[in-house]
Protein backbone atom coordinates (compact mmCIF):
# COMPACT_ATOMS: atom_id res chain seq x y z
CA MET A 1 -10.81 48.34 -6.40
CA THR A 2 -9.59 51.83 -7.15
CA ALA A 3 -6.87 52.89 -10.14
CA HIS A 4 -4.55 53.55 -7.71
CA ASN A 5 -5.01 50.00 -6.21
CA THR A 6 -4.94 48.43 -9.36
CA ARG A 7 -1.36 50.08 -10.24
CA GLN A 8 -0.13 49.17 -6.70
CA MET A 9 -0.99 45.66 -7.26
CA GLN A 10 0.53 45.48 -10.72
CA ALA A 11 3.68 47.19 -9.20
CA ILE A 12 4.01 44.46 -6.24
CA GLY A 13 3.30 41.91 -8.79
CA MET A 14 6.06 43.15 -11.11
CA CYS A 15 8.50 43.64 -8.42
CA LYS A 16 7.98 40.10 -7.11
CA SER A 17 8.64 38.71 -10.45
CA LEU A 18 11.64 40.73 -10.69
CA LEU A 19 13.16 39.48 -8.06
CA SER A 20 12.18 35.83 -8.56
CA LEU A 21 13.84 35.98 -11.91
CA SER A 22 17.08 37.69 -10.69
CA GLN A 23 17.35 35.07 -7.74
CA THR A 24 17.00 32.35 -10.55
CA GLN A 25 19.61 33.88 -12.79
CA ARG A 26 21.91 34.07 -9.48
CA ARG A 27 21.76 30.44 -8.75
CA LEU A 28 22.09 29.74 -12.84
CA ALA A 29 25.20 32.04 -12.71
CA HIS A 30 26.76 30.01 -9.77
CA ASP A 31 25.91 26.75 -11.42
CA ASN A 32 27.60 27.94 -14.71
CA ARG A 33 30.59 29.15 -12.77
CA ARG A 34 30.98 25.76 -11.27
CA GLU A 35 30.83 23.93 -14.24
CA ALA A 36 33.17 26.30 -15.81
CA LEU A 37 35.83 25.27 -13.08
CA GLU A 38 34.96 21.62 -13.99
CA TRP A 39 35.96 22.22 -17.65
CA GLU A 40 38.85 24.09 -16.40
CA ARG A 41 40.40 21.49 -14.52
CA ALA A 42 39.40 18.94 -17.42
CA GLY A 43 41.48 21.14 -19.81
CA GLU A 44 38.63 22.00 -22.11
CA LEU A 45 39.11 25.78 -22.62
CA ALA A 46 36.82 26.56 -25.22
CA LYS A 47 33.81 24.90 -22.59
CA TYR A 48 35.38 26.74 -19.87
CA ARG A 49 35.23 30.28 -21.61
CA GLN A 50 31.54 29.91 -22.95
CA CYS A 51 30.62 28.61 -19.09
CA ARG A 52 32.29 31.50 -17.97
CA ALA A 53 30.70 34.16 -20.52
CA ASP A 54 27.28 32.65 -19.61
CA SER A 55 27.77 33.23 -15.85
CA ASP A 56 28.98 36.61 -16.53
CA ARG A 57 25.90 37.20 -18.79
CA LEU A 58 23.54 35.93 -16.23
CA TRP A 59 25.15 37.96 -13.39
CA ARG A 60 24.83 40.92 -15.16
CA ASP A 61 21.19 40.83 -15.91
CA ALA A 62 20.58 39.44 -12.46
CA LYS A 63 21.77 42.77 -11.47
CA TRP A 64 19.81 44.45 -13.81
CA HIS A 65 16.45 42.95 -12.90
CA LEU A 66 17.23 43.41 -9.16
CA SER A 67 17.79 47.11 -9.79
CA TRP A 68 14.65 47.21 -12.07
CA ALA A 69 12.76 45.42 -9.17
CA LYS A 70 13.83 48.29 -6.71
CA GLU A 71 12.99 50.65 -9.33
CA TRP A 72 9.26 49.25 -9.09
CA LYS A 73 9.31 49.03 -5.34
CA GLY A 74 9.70 52.46 -5.31
CA ARG A 75 6.23 52.88 -7.21
CA ILE A 76 4.17 51.03 -4.35
C-alpha cells in the first residue's frame, strides 16, 4: 500500500468517525430538547435551562463536527 493510499484510508476513517459523532450529537440534542420541554411543563425552570444549554451545545458541536467531516472529505 502506498503512502497516498494510507493517507486516503485515514481520511476516509476520520470522515466516517466525525459523521457518526455528529449524528450522535444531533440525536442527543433532540433528546435534551424534549427533556427540557418536559421540565418546562413541570415548572422546573432551572432544569429546563440546563437541558436547553446542553441541547444548544450539542447542536453547536454537531455542526462543527459535520463541518470538519466535510473538510476531511475534501482530502480524499
